Amino acid sequence: MRIESEITECVAVLSMNEKTGWQKELNYVSWGGDPPKLDIRDWAPDHEKAGRGARLTKAEAKRLREALEEMDLED
């Protein structure tokens, strides 16, 4: 069974697979008619297929932002 999804807001493309054209994206997505949540996952070029990903509430996204700000992300 396929769960219907609707991207309600495109936030950012994080990366792209040059071979397949799939992109890792940060979007607000409604899954199965639920209210949209912040969503990170790979999408096919036409957005008809999606890979596994993670959905975050605003509170979870805020905590993630705080954790990332605390990390040393320099190479």
PDB file of N, CA and C in Angstrom:
ATOM      1  N   MET A   1       0.838  -1.177   0.000  1.00  0.00           N
ATOM      2  CA  MET A   1       0.000   0.000   0.000  1.00  0.00           C
ATOM      3  C   MET A   1       0.887   1.246   0.000  1.00  0.00           C
ATOM      4  N   ARG A   2       0.605   2.177  -0.841  1.00  0.00           N
ATOM      5  CA  ARG A   2       1.376   3.411  -0.955  1.00  0.00           C
ATOM      6  C   ARG A   2       0.696   4.509  -0.152  1.00  0.00           C
ATOM      7  N   ILE A   3       1.465   5.181   0.682  1.00  0.00           N
ATOM      8  CA  ILE A   3       0.950   6.296   1.471  1.00  0.00           C
ATOM      9  C   ILE A   3       1.101   7.564   0.642  1.00  0.00           C
ATOM     10  N   GLU A   4       0.031   8.315   0.519  1.00  0.00           N
ATOM     11  CA  GLU A   4       0.061   9.557  -0.251  1.00  0.00           C
ATOM     12  C   GLU A   4       0.846  10.625   0.496  1.00  0.00           C
ATOM     13  N   SER A   5       1.612  11.379  -0.254  1.00  0.00           N
ATOM     14  CA  SER A   5       2.381  12.472   0.331  1.00  0.00           C
ATOM     15  C   SER A   5       2.129  13.751  -0.456  1.00  0.00           C
ATOM     16  N   GLU A   6       2.252  14.880   0.247  1.00  0.00           N
ATOM     17  CA  GLU A   6       2.141  16.181  -0.401  1.00  0.00           C
ATOM     18  C   GLU A   6       3.211  17.091   0.182  1.00  0.00           C
ATOM     19  N   ILE A   7       4.123  17.547  -0.672  1.00  0.00           N
ATOM     20  CA  ILE A   7       5.119  18.515  -0.235  1.00  0.00           C
ATOM     21  C   ILE A   7       4.421  19.868  -0.191  1.00  0.00           C
ATOM     22  N   THR A   8       4.297  20.417   1.013  1.00  0.00           N
ATOM     23  CA  THR A   8       3.593  21.690   1.159  1.00  0.00           C
ATOM     24  C   THR A   8       4.545  22.881   1.094  1.00  0.00           C
ATOM     25  N   GLU A   9       5.828  22.636   1.384  1.00  0.00           N
ATOM     26  CA  GLU A   9       6.833  23.707   1.274  1.00  0.00           C
ATOM     27  C   GLU A   9       8.198  23.086   1.052  1.00  0.00           C
ATOM     28  N   CYS A  10       8.881  23.497   0.001  1.00  0.00           N
ATOM     29  CA  CYS A  10      10.261  23.087  -0.259  1.00  0.00           C
ATOM     30  C   CYS A  10      11.175  24.050   0.479  1.00  0.00           C
ATOM     31  N   VAL A  11      12.020  23.519   1.352  1.00  0.00           N
ATOM     32  CA  VAL A  11      12.897  24.357   2.160  1.00  0.00           C
ATOM     33  C   VAL A  11      14.297  24.411   1.558  1.00  0.00           C
ATOM     34  N   ALA A  12      14.907  23.226   1.281  1.00  0.00           N
ATOM     35  CA  ALA A  12      16.273  23.208   0.753  1.00  0.00           C
ATOM     36  C   ALA A  12      16.605  21.858   0.141  1.00  0.00           C
ATOM     37  N   VAL A  13      17.467  21.894  -0.869  1.00  0.00           N
ATOM     38  CA  VAL A  13      18.087  20.677  -1.396  1.00  0.00           C
ATOM     39  C   VAL A  13      19.421  20.556  -0.675  1.00  0.00           C
ATOM     40  N   LEU A  14      19.634  19.429   0.005  1.00  0.00           N
ATOM     41  CA  LEU A  14      20.850  19.228   0.788  1.00  0.00           C
ATOM     42  C   LEU A  14      21.963  18.596  -0.028  1.00  0.00           C
ATOM     43  N   SER A  15      21.599  17.705  -0.959  1.00  0.00           N
ATOM     44  CA  SER A  15      22.588  17.069  -1.827  1.00  0.00           C
ATOM     45  C   SER A  15      21.861  16.425  -2.998  1.00  0.00           C
ATOM     46  N   MET A  16      22.663  16.024  -4.009  1.00  0.00           N
ATOM     47  CA  MET A  16      22.084  15.374  -5.188  1.00  0.00           C
ATOM     48  C   MET A  16      22.991  14.244  -5.638  1.00  0.00           C
ATOM     49  N   ASN A  17      22.394  13.112  -5.999  1.00  0.00           N
ATOM     50  CA  ASN A  17      23.125  11.996  -6.581  1.00  0.00           C
ATOM     51  C   ASN A  17      23.201  12.230  -8.081  1.00  0.00           C
ATOM     52  N   GLU A  18      24.383  12.523  -8.581  1.00  0.00           N
ATOM     53  CA  GLU A  18      24.561  12.856 -10.002  1.00  0.00           C
ATOM     54  C   GLU A  18      24.154  11.704 -10.925  1.00  0.00           C
ATOM     55  N   LYS A  19      24.312  10.461 -10.476  1.00  0.00           N
ATOM     56  CA  LYS A  19      23.990   9.303 -11.323  1.00  0.00           C
ATOM     57  C   LYS A  19      22.485   9.096 -11.477  1.00  0.00           C
ATOM     58  N   THR A  20      21.750   9.263 -10.375  1.00  0.00           N
ATOM     59  CA  THR A  20      20.321   8.954 -10.398  1.00  0.00           C
ATOM     60  C   THR A  20      19.432  10.185 -10.479  1.00  0.00           C
ATOM     61  N   GLY A  21      19.956  11.342 -10.102  1.00  0.00           N
ATOM     62  CA  GLY A  21      19.156  12.554 -10.067  1.00  0.00           C
ATOM     63  C   GLY A  21      18.348  12.714  -8.788  1.00  0.00           C
ATOM     64  N   TRP A  22      18.389  11.687  -7.922  1.00  0.00           N
ATOM     65  CA  TRP A  22      17.675  11.795  -6.654  1.00  0.00           C
ATOM     66  C   TRP A  22      18.335  12.863  -5.796  1.00  0.00           C
ATOM     67  N   GLN A  23      17.517  13.581  -5.017  1.00  0.00           N
ATOM     68  CA  GLN A  23      18.008  14.649  -4.164  1.00  0.00           C
ATOM     69  C   GLN A  23      17.593  14.414  -2.715  1.00  0.00           C
ATOM     70  N   LYS A  24      18.527  14.688  -1.795  1.00  0.00           N
ATOM     71  CA  LYS A  24      18.177  14.703  -0.379  1.00  0.00           C
ATOM     72  C   LYS A  24      17.627  16.095  -0.113  1.00  0.00           C
ATOM     73  N   GLU A  25      16.385  16.154   0.366  1.00  0.00           N
ATOM     74  CA  GLU A  25      15.695  17.433   0.513  1.00  0.00           C
ATOM     75  C   GLU A  25      15.161  17.627   1.920  1.00  0.00           C
ATOM     76  N   LEU A  26      15.072  18.890   2.301  1.00  0.00           N
ATOM     77  CA  LEU A  26      14.419  19.311   3.534  1.00  0.00           C
ATOM     78  C   LEU A  26      13.137  20.019   3.117  1.00  0.00           C
ATOM     79  N   ASN A  27      12.009  19.437   3.480  1.00  0.00           N
ATOM     80  CA  ASN A  27      10.704  19.959   3.072  1.00  0.00           C
ATOM     81  C   ASN A  27       9.716  19.842   4.218  1.00  0.00           C
ATOM     82  N   TYR A  28       8.606  20.546   4.097  1.00  0.00           N
ATOM     83  CA  TYR A  28       7.437  20.255   4.920  1.00  0.00           C
ATOM     84  C   TYR A  28       6.566  19.336   4.095  1.00  0.00           C
ATOM     85  N   VAL A  29       6.235  18.153   4.669  1.00  0.00           N
ATOM     86  CA  VAL A  29       5.483  17.143   3.931  1.00  0.00           C
ATOM     87  C   VAL A  29       4.323  16.647   4.777  1.00  0.00           C
ATOM     88  N   SER A  30       3.181  16.515   4.126  1.00  0.00           N
ATOM     89  CA  SER A  30       2.015  15.884   4.733  1.00  0.00           C
ATOM     90  C   SER A  30       1.968  14.443   4.235  1.00  0.00           C
ATOM     91  N   TRP A  31       1.972  13.500   5.156  1.00  0.00           N
ATOM     92  CA  TRP A  31       1.889  12.081   4.800  1.00  0.00           C
ATOM     93  C   TRP A  31       0.527  11.545   5.223  1.00  0.00           C
ATOM     94  N   GLY A  32      -0.178  10.920   4.300  1.00  0.00           N
ATOM     95  CA  GLY A  32      -1.471  10.313   4.612  1.00  0.00           C
ATOM     96  C   GLY A  32      -2.499  11.296   5.118  1.00  0.00           C
ATOM     97  N   GLY A  33      -2.388  12.558   4.712  1.00  0.00           N
ATOM     98  CA  GLY A  33      -3.352  13.567   5.135  1.00  0.00           C
ATOM     99  C   GLY A  33      -3.071  14.178   6.492  1.00  0.00           C
ATOM    100  N   ASP A  34      -2.007  13.727   7.164  1.00  0.00           N
ATOM    101  CA  ASP A  34      -1.638  14.311   8.459  1.00  0.00           C
ATOM    102  C   ASP A  34      -1.104  15.724   8.258  1.00  0.00           C
ATOM    103  N   PRO A  35      -1.084  16.528   9.316  1.00  0.00           N
ATOM    104  CA  PRO A  35      -0.504  17.867   9.199  1.00  0.00           C
ATOM    105  C   PRO A  35       0.965  17.774   8.770  1.00  0.00           C
ATOM    106  N   PRO A  36       1.436  18.739   7.978  1.00  0.00           N
ATOM    107  CA  PRO A  36       2.825  18.698   7.515  1.00  0.00           C
ATOM    108  C   PRO A  36       3.822  18.780   8.670  1.00  0.00           C
ATOM    109  N   LYS A  37       4.915  18.023   8.517  1.00  0.00           N
ATOM    110  CA  LYS A  37       6.039  18.078   9.445  1.00  0.00           C
ATOM    111  C   LYS A  37       7.299  18.301   8.631  1.00  0.00           C
ATOM    112  N   LEU A  38       8.332  18.797   9.295  1.00  0.00           N
ATOM    113  CA  LEU A  38       9.626  18.941   8.652  1.00  0.00           C
ATOM    114  C   LEU A  38      10.134  17.548   8.318  1.00  0.00           C
ATOM    115  N   ASP A  39      10.627  17.369   7.106  1.00  0.00           N
ATOM    116  CA  ASP A  39      10.912  16.038   6.574  1.00  0.00           C
ATOM    117  C   ASP A  39      12.251  16.072   5.834  1.00  0.00           C
ATOM    118  N   ILE A  40      13.137  15.124   6.150  1.00  0.00           N
ATOM    119  CA  ILE A  40      14.413  14.983   5.452  1.00  0.00           C
ATOM    120  C   ILE A  40      14.436  13.599   4.828  1.00  0.00           C
ATOM    121  N   ARG A  41      14.559  13.559   3.486  1.00  0.00           N
ATOM    122  CA  ARG A  41      14.631  12.264   2.796  1.00  0.00           C
ATOM    123  C   ARG A  41      15.074  12.475   1.358  1.00  0.00           C
ATOM    124  N   ASP A  42      15.413  11.363   0.688  1.00  0.00           N
ATOM    125  CA  ASP A  42      15.754  11.383  -0.730  1.00  0.00           C
ATOM    126  C   ASP A  42      14.483  11.314  -1.553  1.00  0.00           C
ATOM    127  N   TRP A  43      14.460  12.113  -2.630  1.00  0.00           N
ATOM    128  CA  TRP A  43      13.316  12.148  -3.540  1.00  0.00           C
ATOM    129  C   TRP A  43      13.781  11.922  -4.968  1.00  0.00           C
ATOM    130  N   ALA A  44      12.972  11.179  -5.731  1.00  0.00           N
ATOM    131  CA  ALA A  44      13.213  11.030  -7.158  1.00  0.00           C
ATOM    132  C   ALA A  44      13.017  12.389  -7.826  1.00  0.00           C
ATOM    133  N   PRO A  45      13.601  12.582  -9.023  1.00  0.00           N
ATOM    134  CA  PRO A  45      13.491  13.890  -9.685  1.00  0.00           C
ATOM    135  C   PRO A  45      12.058  14.395  -9.854  1.00  0.00           C
ATOM    136  N   ASP A  46      11.102  13.503 -10.049  1.00  0.00           N
ATOM    137  CA  ASP A  46       9.708  13.912 -10.260  1.00  0.00           C
ATOM    138  C   ASP A  46       8.885  13.935  -8.965  1.00  0.00           C
ATOM    139  N   HIS A  47       9.535  13.628  -7.836  1.00  0.00           N
ATOM    140  CA  HIS A  47       8.888  13.551  -6.523  1.00  0.00           C
ATOM    141  C   HIS A  47       7.803  12.472  -6.466  1.00  0.00           C
ATOM    142  N   GLU A  48       7.819  11.527  -7.404  1.00  0.00           N
ATOM    143  CA  GLU A  48       6.842  10.435  -7.368  1.00  0.00           C
ATOM    144  C   GLU A  48       7.285   9.305  -6.441  1.00  0.00           C
ATOM    145  N   LYS A  49       8.585   9.226  -6.149  1.00  0.00           N
ATOM    146  CA  LYS A  49       9.112   8.204  -5.247  1.00  0.00           C
ATOM    147  C   LYS A  49       9.970   8.883  -4.196  1.00  0.00           C
ATOM    148  N   ALA A  50       9.960   8.279  -2.992  1.00  0.00           N
ATOM    149  CA  ALA A  50      10.757   8.817  -1.892  1.00  0.00           C
ATOM    150  C   ALA A  50      11.457   7.674  -1.175  1.00  0.00           C
ATOM    151  N   GLY A  51      12.653   7.972  -0.681  1.00  0.00           N
ATOM    152  CA  GLY A  51      13.379   7.004   0.128  1.00  0.00           C
ATOM    153  C   GLY A  51      12.957   7.118   1.584  1.00  0.00           C
ATOM    154  N   ARG A  52      13.595   6.314   2.407  1.00  0.00           N
ATOM    155  CA  ARG A  52      13.333   6.422   3.844  1.00  0.00           C
ATOM    156  C   ARG A  52      13.865   7.744   4.350  1.00  0.00           C
ATOM    157  N   GLY A  53      13.225   8.259   5.358  1.00  0.00           N
ATOM    158  CA  GLY A  53      13.647   9.546   5.867  1.00  0.00           C
ATOM    159  C   GLY A  53      13.240   9.728   7.310  1.00  0.00           C
ATOM    160  N   ALA A  54      13.255  10.966   7.734  1.00  0.00           N
ATOM    161  CA  ALA A  54      12.896  11.317   9.104  1.00  0.00           C
ATOM    162  C   ALA A  54      11.946  12.506   9.087  1.00  0.00           C
ATOM    163  N   ARG A  55      10.919  12.444   9.939  1.00  0.00           N
ATOM    164  CA  ARG A  55       9.959  13.538  10.098  1.00  0.00           C
ATOM    165  C   ARG A  55      10.170  14.139  11.468  1.00  0.00           C
ATOM    166  N   LEU A  56      10.157  15.454  11.528  1.00  0.00           N
ATOM    167  CA  LEU A  56      10.401  16.155  12.784  1.00  0.00           C
ATOM    168  C   LEU A  56       9.283  17.151  13.077  1.00  0.00           C
ATOM    169  N   THR A  57       8.855  17.173  14.333  1.00  0.00           N
ATOM    170  CA  THR A  57       7.960  18.238  14.768  1.00  0.00           C
ATOM    171  C   THR A  57       8.790  19.518  14.883  1.00  0.00           C
ATOM    172  N   LYS A  58       8.143  20.648  15.062  1.00  0.00           N
ATOM    173  CA  LYS A  58       8.888  21.897  15.235  1.00  0.00           C
ATOM    174  C   LYS A  58       9.771  21.836  16.481  1.00  0.00           C
ATOM    175  N   ALA A  59       9.279  21.218  17.551  1.00  0.00           N
ATOM    176  CA  ALA A  59      10.076  21.094  18.772  1.00  0.00           C
ATOM    177  C   ALA A  59      11.315  20.226  18.523  1.00  0.00           C
ATOM    178  N   GLU A  60      11.149  19.134  17.782  1.00  0.00           N
ATOM    179  CA  GLU A  60      12.290  18.273  17.462  1.00  0.00           C
ATOM    180  C   GLU A  60      13.281  18.995  16.555  1.00  0.00           C
ATOM    181  N   ALA A  61      12.786  19.766  15.595  1.00  0.00           N
ATOM    182  CA  ALA A  61      13.656  20.523  14.695  1.00  0.00           C
ATOM    183  C   ALA A  61      14.438  21.577  15.483  1.00  0.00           C
ATOM    184  N   LYS A  62      13.793  22.199  16.447  1.00  0.00           N
ATOM    185  CA  LYS A  62      14.468  23.195  17.280  1.00  0.00           C
ATOM    186  C   LYS A  62      15.587  22.541  18.076  1.00  0.00           C
ATOM    187  N   ARG A  63      15.318  21.386  18.647  1.00  0.00           N
ATOM    188  CA  ARG A  63      16.347  20.669  19.428  1.00  0.00           C
ATOM    189  C   ARG A  63      17.487  20.222  18.513  1.00  0.00           C
ATOM    190  N   LEU A  64      17.175  19.769  17.304  1.00  0.00           N
ATOM    191  CA  LEU A  64      18.205  19.383  16.343  1.00  0.00           C
ATOM    192  C   LEU A  64      19.091  20.582  16.009  1.00  0.00           C
ATOM    193  N   ARG A  65      18.481  21.728  15.765  1.00  0.00           N
ATOM    194  CA  ARG A  65      19.240  22.948  15.486  1.00  0.00           C
ATOM    195  C   ARG A  65      20.181  23.274  16.638  1.00  0.00           C
ATOM    196  N   GLU A  66      19.691  23.176  17.862  1.00  0.00           N
ATOM    197  CA  GLU A  66      20.524  23.447  19.032  1.00  0.00           C
ATOM    198  C   GLU A  66      21.695  22.479  19.099  1.00  0.00           C
ATOM    199  N   ALA A  67      21.432  21.197  18.844  1.00  0.00           N
ATOM    200  CA  ALA A  67      22.496  20.189  18.884  1.00  0.00           C
ATOM    201  C   ALA A  67      23.532  20.441  17.793  1.00  0.00           C
ATOM    202  N   LEU A  68      23.083  20.821  16.592  1.00  0.00           N
ATOM    203  CA  LEU A  68      24.018  21.107  15.504  1.00  0.00           C
ATOM    204  C   LEU A  68      24.871  22.332  15.804  1.00  0.00           C
ATOM    205  N   GLU A  69      24.278  23.339  16.447  1.00  0.00           N
ATOM    206  CA  GLU A  69      25.033  24.538  16.812  1.00  0.00           C
ATOM    207  C   GLU A  69      26.109  24.229  17.840  1.00  0.00           C
ATOM    208  N   GLU A  70      25.895  23.205  18.668  1.00  0.00           N
ATOM    209  CA  GLU A  70      26.870  22.820  19.683  1.00  0.00           C
ATOM    210  C   GLU A  70      28.014  21.981  19.102  1.00  0.00           C
ATOM    211  N   MET A  71      27.821  21.409  17.925  1.00  0.00           N
ATOM    212  CA  MET A  71      28.825  20.535  17.308  1.00  0.00           C
ATOM    213  C   MET A  71      29.888  21.335  16.565  1.00  0.00           C
ATOM    214  N   ASP A  72      31.094  20.761  16.499  1.00  0.00           N
ATOM    215  CA  ASP A  72      32.163  21.324  15.677  1.00  0.00           C
ATOM    216  C   ASP A  72      32.069  20.649  14.302  1.00  0.00           C
ATOM    217  N   LEU A  73      31.510  21.335  13.327  1.00  0.00           N
ATOM    218  CA  LEU A  73      31.286  20.757  12.004  1.00  0.00           C
ATOM    219  C   LEU A  73      32.379  21.124  11.005  1.00  0.00           C
ATOM    220  N   GLU A  74      33.464  21.712  11.481  1.00  0.00           N
ATOM    221  CA  GLU A  74      34.573  22.039  10.605  1.00  0.00           C
ATOM    222  C   GLU A  74      35.295  20.769  10.197  1.00  0.00           C
ATOM    223  N   ASP A  75      35.818  20.762   8.956  1.00  0.00           N
ATOM    224  CA  ASP A  75      36.574  19.592   8.462  1.00  0.00           C
ATOM    225  C   ASP A  75      37.889  19.442   9.169  1.00  0.00           C
TER     226      ASP A  75
END
